Amino acid sequence: MAKINRRFWFQLHGWLSLPIWVIFSFVCLTGTISVLSHEITWLTNSDSRASNPEQLAAKPIADLVKAVENKFPTADVSWVMTRESYLSYVISFTDTDKPAAQAYVNQYTAEIQEVFQGMTFIGFMRSLHGWLLFPWHHNFSIGYYLVSLMAIVMMGALVTGLVVYKKFWRALFKPQLRVSKGLRIFLQDAHRFSGVWSMWFLFIISITGLWYLTQAVLWHNDVDIDPHAPLLDNKVIPTYQVNAPEFTIGLDQAILTAKQTHPDFMPTFIMLPEHNRDTYKLMGKGDFILYDDTSYRLSINPWEGNIEARQDPDNMTVLQTVSHIADPIHYGTIGGIWTKIIWFIFGLILSGMSVAGFMIWRYRLVDAKENK
């Protein structure tokens, strides 16, 4: 009876891993690349680097926006993204001949190093990994569901693998890699060894993946996790500014207000007002290590300078908290470059495990046919 049960669990382990192994392997590999996408961008695109040989302090973000507006007088700047200190800032704008352009601006010299239209490598890899570049229909994407459903497959493969591999903990202290016994035996040993040492990683990726699946369902049912920024009342807008808004509060003042509210605030994404009832939408990070780069959110009135809405780790709901800690854990950004390297290595191991698992299953199918 025990033998039959073990065979059942082995078959279940295989079917959880193999019928969709191509998608699973692809998701693992693109996620692994996404972990170091910032570093890969720095290596492959010199215009993305924020060179600072004179050790200058970063210029105010408002000055960088001004540099883009001076270069393109008819441009309409929509948002600014700050990144690691070694990468230039990204400023998005539209112009008469540029419906959607982005500029790499050196934050230390205010030099516009590159202007391009399209998606960055970082954005491309995150999109490819996150929803396989499937289109979004209002509030859902089939690709997002496909990717997040891989969390169930991964968790199932982890549980069934531990059931099949009796006394798996021995591999932690007495690893066995029989190289001279042929490819099949080597793959089996490598698959088991990698699986045991990757248990913690598989669990983390599975749990965060299950959250992404939950998040997809919430979005699909019009449940807003983070509230939308409020629109301003018409009473606060000067009547002479209705058609051509010139805000009395500048971007630098809005950032100062955010830093006065949260002394540890570091802006990472800033959206400028699109119309006269809109607000400055400032997002950033602070000293909370487990939270992502947009855990602080403030909507600041461009006419009066007051804060219309705010959100931070101290006043988040449970769903908001989970939403803002999932990405740093999933992509390994919690400890900077060192944790990203660890996540990258184990991502490669996980990708290799999925391919090795398929090959092992194929060998067993061939043996089964030959023994009939």
Protein backbone atom coordinates (compact mmCIF):
# COMPACT_ATOMS: atom_id res chain seq x y z
CA MET A 1 0.00 0.00 0.00
CA ALA A 2 2.85 2.36 0.88
CA LYS A 3 4.44 1.54 -2.48
CA ILE A 4 1.25 2.41 -4.34
CA ASN A 5 0.95 5.69 -2.44
CA ARG A 6 4.54 6.62 -3.25
CA ARG A 7 3.89 5.92 -6.93
CA PHE A 8 0.77 8.08 -6.80
CA TRP A 9 2.66 10.97 -5.23
CA PHE A 10 5.43 10.65 -7.78
CA GLN A 11 2.93 10.77 -10.65
CA LEU A 12 1.19 13.75 -9.09
CA HIS A 13 4.55 15.48 -8.69
CA GLY A 14 5.28 14.88 -12.37
CA TRP A 15 1.93 16.07 -13.64
CA LEU A 16 2.14 19.20 -11.53
CA SER A 17 5.48 20.02 -13.09
CA LEU A 18 5.53 18.73 -16.62
CA PRO A 19 2.42 19.43 -18.72
CA ILE A 20 3.13 23.14 -18.57
CA TRP A 21 6.89 22.90 -18.05
CA VAL A 22 7.59 25.19 -21.01
CA ILE A 23 5.56 28.07 -19.52
CA PHE A 24 6.90 27.32 -16.06
CA SER A 25 10.52 27.34 -17.23
CA PHE A 26 9.97 30.52 -19.24
CA VAL A 27 8.40 32.31 -16.27
CA CYS A 28 11.27 31.20 -14.02
CA LEU A 29 13.92 32.33 -16.51
CA THR A 30 12.35 35.74 -17.23
CA GLY A 31 11.88 36.31 -13.50
CA THR A 32 15.52 35.46 -12.91
CA ILE A 33 16.63 37.98 -15.53
CA SER A 34 14.24 40.58 -14.10
CA VAL A 35 15.97 40.36 -10.73
CA LEU A 36 19.15 41.84 -12.24
CA SER A 37 17.49 43.87 -15.00
CA HIS A 38 18.75 47.16 -13.53
CA GLU A 39 22.30 45.89 -13.42
CA ILE A 40 22.03 44.44 -16.93
CA THR A 41 20.78 47.82 -18.16
CA TRP A 42 23.81 49.51 -16.62
CA LEU A 43 26.15 47.00 -18.30
CA THR A 44 24.59 47.14 -21.76
CA ASN A 45 23.53 50.79 -22.14
CA SER A 46 26.11 53.48 -21.34
CA ASP A 47 23.46 56.21 -21.71
CA SER A 48 21.59 54.76 -18.74
CA ARG A 49 24.57 55.23 -16.40
CA ALA A 50 24.66 58.16 -14.02
CA SER A 51 28.35 59.02 -14.27
CA ASN A 52 29.51 61.26 -11.47
CA PRO A 53 33.31 61.60 -11.55
CA GLU A 54 33.24 64.88 -9.63
CA GLN A 55 31.16 63.36 -6.81
CA LEU A 56 28.39 65.94 -7.16
CA ALA A 57 25.17 65.82 -5.17
CA ALA A 58 22.02 64.89 -7.05
CA LYS A 59 20.23 67.94 -8.42
CA PRO A 60 16.64 68.73 -7.44
CA ILE A 61 14.14 66.79 -9.53
CA ALA A 62 12.50 70.05 -10.59
CA ASP A 63 15.79 71.09 -12.22
CA LEU A 64 15.89 67.88 -14.23
CA VAL A 65 12.32 68.42 -15.42
CA LYS A 66 13.31 71.96 -16.40
CA ALA A 67 16.24 70.59 -18.41
CA VAL A 68 13.85 68.45 -20.47
CA GLU A 69 11.44 71.36 -20.96
CA ASN A 70 14.32 73.61 -22.10
CA LYS A 71 15.48 70.97 -24.58
CA PHE A 72 11.93 70.39 -25.85
CA PRO A 73 9.98 73.68 -25.36
CA THR A 74 6.65 72.15 -26.42
CA ALA A 75 7.04 69.03 -24.26
CA ASP A 76 4.53 68.06 -21.60
CA VAL A 77 6.27 66.15 -18.80
CA SER A 78 4.06 63.50 -17.21
CA TRP A 79 6.23 61.62 -14.70
CA VAL A 80 9.70 61.17 -13.25
CA MET A 81 11.22 57.90 -12.07
CA THR A 82 14.30 57.80 -9.86
CA ARG A 83 16.39 54.66 -9.70
CA GLU A 84 19.61 53.43 -8.11
CA SER A 85 22.34 56.03 -7.69
CA TYR A 86 24.32 54.50 -10.55
CA LEU A 87 21.41 54.74 -13.01
CA SER A 88 20.10 57.96 -14.53
CA TYR A 89 16.59 59.20 -13.82
CA VAL A 90 13.83 58.53 -16.35
CA ILE A 91 11.56 61.43 -17.35
CA SER A 92 8.52 60.68 -19.47
CA PHE A 93 7.03 63.35 -21.72
CA THR A 94 4.98 63.94 -24.84
CA ASP A 95 5.79 66.33 -27.66
CA THR A 96 4.45 67.30 -31.07
CA ASP A 97 6.56 64.61 -32.77
CA LYS A 98 6.90 62.30 -29.77
CA PRO A 99 3.58 60.86 -28.55
CA ALA A 100 5.32 58.86 -25.81
CA ALA A 101 8.98 59.58 -25.12
CA GLN A 102 11.33 58.94 -22.24
CA ALA A 103 14.60 60.63 -21.45
CA TYR A 104 17.56 59.33 -19.49
CA VAL A 105 18.69 62.37 -17.49
CA ASN A 106 21.86 62.33 -15.41
CA GLN A 107 20.76 63.47 -11.97
CA TYR A 108 24.22 64.85 -11.14
CA THR A 109 24.82 66.94 -14.28
CA ALA A 110 21.23 67.41 -15.62
CA GLU A 111 22.52 66.15 -18.98
CA ILE A 112 19.96 64.45 -21.23
CA GLN A 113 21.89 61.34 -22.25
CA GLU A 114 19.26 59.60 -24.38
CA VAL A 115 15.72 60.12 -25.61
CA PHE A 116 13.80 57.11 -26.82
CA GLN A 117 10.27 55.97 -27.53
CA GLY A 118 9.16 52.57 -26.39
CA MET A 119 9.73 50.28 -23.45
CA THR A 120 12.90 50.07 -21.41
CA PHE A 121 14.64 46.72 -20.94
CA ILE A 122 13.62 46.78 -17.28
CA GLY A 123 9.99 47.42 -18.15
CA PHE A 124 10.06 44.83 -20.92
CA MET A 125 11.43 42.07 -18.67
CA ARG A 126 9.01 42.85 -15.85
CA SER A 127 6.09 42.82 -18.30
CA LEU A 128 7.27 39.64 -20.00
CA HIS A 129 7.66 37.91 -16.66
CA GLY A 130 4.55 39.43 -15.08
CA TRP A 131 1.94 38.85 -17.80
CA LEU A 132 3.79 37.42 -20.83
CA LEU A 133 3.00 40.64 -22.74
CA PHE A 134 -0.64 39.59 -23.04
CA PRO A 135 -2.94 42.61 -23.47
CA TRP A 136 -4.86 44.02 -20.53
CA HIS A 137 -8.64 44.14 -20.94
CA HIS A 138 -9.79 46.90 -18.60
CA ASN A 139 -8.70 45.33 -15.30
CA PHE A 140 -7.37 41.85 -16.11
CA SER A 141 -4.89 40.04 -18.32
CA ILE A 142 -4.97 36.36 -19.26
CA GLY A 143 -1.18 36.37 -19.16
CA TYR A 144 -1.17 37.67 -15.58
CA TYR A 145 -3.45 34.81 -14.58
CA LEU A 146 -1.25 32.26 -16.38
CA VAL A 147 1.87 33.47 -14.61
CA SER A 148 0.33 33.72 -11.15
CA LEU A 149 -1.24 30.27 -11.52
CA MET A 150 2.31 28.90 -11.72
CA ALA A 151 2.45 29.52 -7.95
CA ILE A 152 0.01 26.64 -7.43
CA VAL A 153 2.11 24.41 -9.67
CA MET A 154 5.28 25.36 -7.80
CA MET A 155 3.76 24.83 -4.37
CA GLY A 156 2.29 21.50 -5.49
CA ALA A 157 5.62 20.36 -6.92
CA LEU A 158 7.36 21.35 -3.67
CA VAL A 159 4.95 19.42 -1.45
CA THR A 160 4.75 16.30 -3.63
CA GLY A 161 8.52 16.33 -4.16
CA LEU A 162 9.11 16.24 -0.41
CA VAL A 163 6.66 13.35 -0.08
CA VAL A 164 8.35 11.38 -2.88
CA TYR A 165 11.90 12.07 -1.70
CA LYS A 166 12.12 10.06 1.51
CA LYS A 167 14.48 11.44 4.14
CA PHE A 168 15.19 14.43 1.93
CA TRP A 169 17.12 16.20 4.68
CA ARG A 170 20.06 13.85 4.07
CA ALA A 171 20.83 15.80 0.90
CA LEU A 172 21.56 18.85 3.03
CA PHE A 173 24.53 17.16 4.69
CA LYS A 174 25.41 14.26 2.38
CA PRO A 175 24.80 15.43 -1.19
CA GLN A 176 25.10 12.79 -3.88
CA LEU A 177 25.96 13.68 -7.47
CA ARG A 178 26.88 10.57 -9.42
CA VAL A 179 28.54 11.93 -12.53
CA SER A 180 29.89 8.60 -13.79
CA LYS A 181 26.54 6.78 -13.76
CA GLY A 182 25.15 8.41 -16.89
CA LEU A 183 23.05 11.45 -17.69
CA ARG A 184 19.82 10.08 -16.25
CA ILE A 185 21.29 9.30 -12.82
CA PHE A 186 23.12 12.63 -12.74
CA LEU A 187 19.92 14.52 -13.57
CA GLN A 188 18.02 12.71 -10.82
CA ASP A 189 20.71 13.49 -8.25
CA ALA A 190 21.00 17.11 -9.37
CA HIS A 191 17.20 17.55 -9.35
CA ARG A 192 16.90 16.21 -5.79
CA PHE A 193 19.91 18.08 -4.50
CA SER A 194 18.76 21.38 -6.04
CA GLY A 195 15.22 20.87 -4.80
CA VAL A 196 16.26 20.29 -1.19
CA TRP A 197 18.59 23.29 -1.08
CA SER A 198 15.99 25.46 -2.85
CA MET A 199 13.05 24.63 -0.59
CA TRP A 200 13.12 28.03 1.11
CA PHE A 201 13.27 29.79 -2.25
CA LEU A 202 10.46 27.71 -3.76
CA PHE A 203 8.30 28.48 -0.73
CA ILE A 204 8.93 32.24 -0.93
CA ILE A 205 8.25 32.43 -4.66
CA SER A 206 5.13 30.26 -4.28
CA ILE A 207 3.65 32.31 -1.44
CA THR A 208 4.25 35.64 -3.18
CA GLY A 209 2.95 34.13 -6.41
CA LEU A 210 -0.26 33.13 -4.63
CA TRP A 211 -0.62 36.72 -3.53
CA TYR A 212 -0.28 37.89 -7.15
CA LEU A 213 -3.05 35.45 -8.06
CA THR A 214 -5.22 36.87 -5.28
CA GLN A 215 -4.38 40.38 -6.46
CA ALA A 216 -5.44 39.47 -10.01
CA VAL A 217 -8.83 38.29 -8.75
CA LEU A 218 -9.27 41.49 -6.71
CA TRP A 219 -8.41 43.69 -9.70
CA HIS A 220 -10.73 41.68 -11.92
CA ASN A 221 -13.57 42.36 -9.49
CA ASP A 222 -12.83 46.11 -9.31
CA VAL A 223 -11.41 45.97 -5.78
CA ASP A 224 -8.91 48.82 -5.41
CA ILE A 225 -6.11 47.94 -3.02
CA ASP A 226 -4.51 51.39 -3.12
CA PRO A 227 -7.06 54.24 -3.31
CA HIS A 228 -7.02 56.63 -6.23
CA ALA A 229 -5.78 60.17 -5.70
CA PRO A 230 -8.68 62.57 -5.14
CA LEU A 231 -9.67 65.33 -7.54
CA LEU A 232 -9.61 68.86 -6.21
CA ASP A 233 -12.72 70.88 -5.58
CA ASN A 234 -13.32 73.64 -8.11
CA LYS A 235 -13.37 76.15 -5.25
CA VAL A 236 -9.60 75.91 -4.72
CA ILE A 237 -8.81 76.65 -8.39
CA PRO A 238 -8.32 80.31 -9.30
CA THR A 239 -10.86 81.29 -11.95
CA TYR A 240 -8.23 82.89 -14.16
CA GLN A 241 -6.34 79.57 -14.30
CA VAL A 242 -9.13 77.34 -15.52
CA ASN A 243 -7.93 77.06 -19.13
CA ALA A 244 -4.16 77.39 -18.71
CA PRO A 245 -3.07 76.15 -15.29
CA GLU A 246 0.11 77.63 -13.83
CA PHE A 247 0.36 76.13 -10.40
CA THR A 248 1.36 78.27 -7.45
CA ILE A 249 3.15 75.32 -5.80
CA GLY A 250 6.16 73.99 -7.67
CA LEU A 251 7.44 70.42 -7.79
CA ASP A 252 10.34 71.20 -5.47
CA GLN A 253 7.91 72.57 -2.87
CA ALA A 254 5.75 69.46 -3.16
CA ILE A 255 8.78 67.21 -2.56
CA LEU A 256 9.79 69.36 0.42
CA THR A 257 6.31 68.93 1.90
CA ALA A 258 6.62 65.16 1.51
CA LYS A 259 10.01 65.13 3.24
CA GLN A 260 8.72 67.30 6.06
CA THR A 261 5.88 64.83 6.54
CA HIS A 262 8.18 61.79 6.32
CA PRO A 263 11.81 62.66 7.12
CA ASP A 264 12.99 59.34 5.65
CA PHE A 265 11.04 59.83 2.40
CA MET A 266 13.00 59.17 -0.82
CA PRO A 267 10.98 59.84 -3.98
CA THR A 268 11.01 57.06 -6.57
CA PHE A 269 8.07 57.94 -8.81
CA ILE A 270 6.42 61.33 -9.27
CA MET A 271 3.41 62.09 -11.43
CA LEU A 272 2.85 65.72 -12.33
CA PRO A 273 -0.71 67.12 -12.45
CA GLU A 274 -2.44 66.43 -15.76
CA HIS A 275 -5.05 69.17 -15.36
CA ASN A 276 -6.03 71.93 -12.97
CA ARG A 277 -8.00 69.64 -10.62
CA ASP A 278 -5.20 67.09 -10.40
CA THR A 279 -2.49 66.81 -7.73
CA TYR A 280 1.19 66.03 -7.48
CA LYS A 281 1.30 62.30 -6.83
CA LEU A 282 4.51 61.45 -5.00
CA MET A 283 5.54 57.87 -4.32
CA GLY A 284 8.66 56.75 -2.57
CA LYS A 285 10.36 54.57 -0.02
CA GLY A 286 11.64 55.01 3.51
CA ASP A 287 13.44 53.10 6.24
CA PHE A 288 11.05 50.14 6.19
CA ILE A 289 13.26 47.45 4.65
CA LEU A 290 10.50 45.00 3.67
CA TYR A 291 8.36 47.58 1.86
CA ASP A 292 8.65 48.41 -1.84
CA ASP A 293 9.63 51.66 -3.54
CA THR A 294 6.07 53.04 -3.56
CA SER A 295 5.05 52.36 0.04
CA TYR A 296 4.85 56.10 0.76
CA ARG A 297 2.17 57.88 -1.28
CA LEU A 298 1.16 61.51 -1.03
CA SER A 299 -1.22 63.63 -3.11
CA ILE A 300 -0.28 67.30 -2.78
CA ASN A 301 -2.45 70.23 -3.84
CA PRO A 302 -0.57 72.22 -6.53
CA TRP A 303 -2.49 75.41 -5.64
CA GLU A 304 -2.32 75.47 -1.86
CA GLY A 305 0.45 72.97 -1.03
CA ASN A 306 -1.58 70.92 1.45
CA ILE A 307 -1.70 67.12 1.48
CA GLU A 308 -4.98 65.87 0.05
CA ALA A 309 -4.30 62.17 0.71
CA ARG A 310 -1.48 60.08 2.12
CA GLN A 311 -0.57 56.46 2.67
CA ASP A 312 2.42 54.94 4.44
CA PRO A 313 3.32 51.70 6.26
CA ASP A 314 1.88 53.05 9.52
CA ASN A 315 -1.67 53.46 8.18
CA MET A 316 -1.93 50.68 5.61
CA THR A 317 -4.65 48.06 5.59
CA VAL A 318 -3.72 44.37 5.61
CA LEU A 319 -4.16 44.09 1.83
CA GLN A 320 -2.06 47.19 1.24
CA THR A 321 0.69 45.87 3.49
CA VAL A 322 0.85 42.53 1.70
CA SER A 323 0.77 44.31 -1.67
CA HIS A 324 3.74 46.50 -0.79
CA ILE A 325 5.95 43.80 0.72
CA ALA A 326 5.36 41.13 -1.95
CA ASP A 327 7.64 42.57 -4.65
CA PRO A 328 10.79 43.07 -2.52
CA ILE A 329 10.48 39.48 -1.28
CA HIS A 330 9.61 38.05 -4.70
CA TYR A 331 12.43 39.83 -6.56
CA GLY A 332 14.98 39.79 -3.73
CA THR A 333 15.50 43.53 -3.49
CA ILE A 334 15.24 43.60 0.31
CA GLY A 335 19.02 43.60 0.81
CA GLY A 336 20.24 45.38 -2.29
CA ILE A 337 22.65 43.81 -4.75
CA TRP A 338 23.65 40.92 -2.48
CA THR A 339 20.15 39.51 -2.04
CA LYS A 340 19.49 40.09 -5.73
CA ILE A 341 22.51 37.95 -6.59
CA ILE A 342 21.24 35.20 -4.27
CA TRP A 343 17.78 35.36 -5.87
CA PHE A 344 19.38 35.31 -9.33
CA ILE A 345 21.43 32.19 -8.55
CA PHE A 346 18.48 30.29 -7.10
CA GLY A 347 16.32 31.48 -10.00
CA LEU A 348 18.77 29.83 -12.38
CA ILE A 349 18.69 26.69 -10.25
CA LEU A 350 14.89 26.67 -10.33
CA SER A 351 14.89 27.13 -14.12
CA GLY A 352 17.35 24.25 -14.47
CA MET A 353 15.29 22.06 -12.13
CA SER A 354 12.21 22.43 -14.31
CA VAL A 355 14.13 21.32 -17.42
CA ALA A 356 15.83 18.47 -15.54
CA GLY A 357 12.46 17.34 -14.17
CA PHE A 358 11.05 17.14 -17.68
CA MET A 359 14.02 15.10 -18.90
CA ILE A 360 13.72 12.69 -15.96
CA TRP A 361 10.02 12.22 -16.65
CA ARG A 362 10.77 11.58 -20.32
CA TYR A 363 13.29 8.88 -19.42
CA ARG A 364 10.68 7.18 -17.23
CA LEU A 365 8.08 7.29 -20.00
CA VAL A 366 10.53 5.68 -22.42
CA ASP A 367 11.29 2.95 -19.86
CA ALA A 368 7.58 2.35 -19.30
CA LYS A 369 6.96 1.89 -23.05
CA GLU A 370 9.93 -0.46 -23.42
CA ASN A 371 8.75 -2.62 -20.51
CA LYS A 372 5.26 -3.12 -21.92
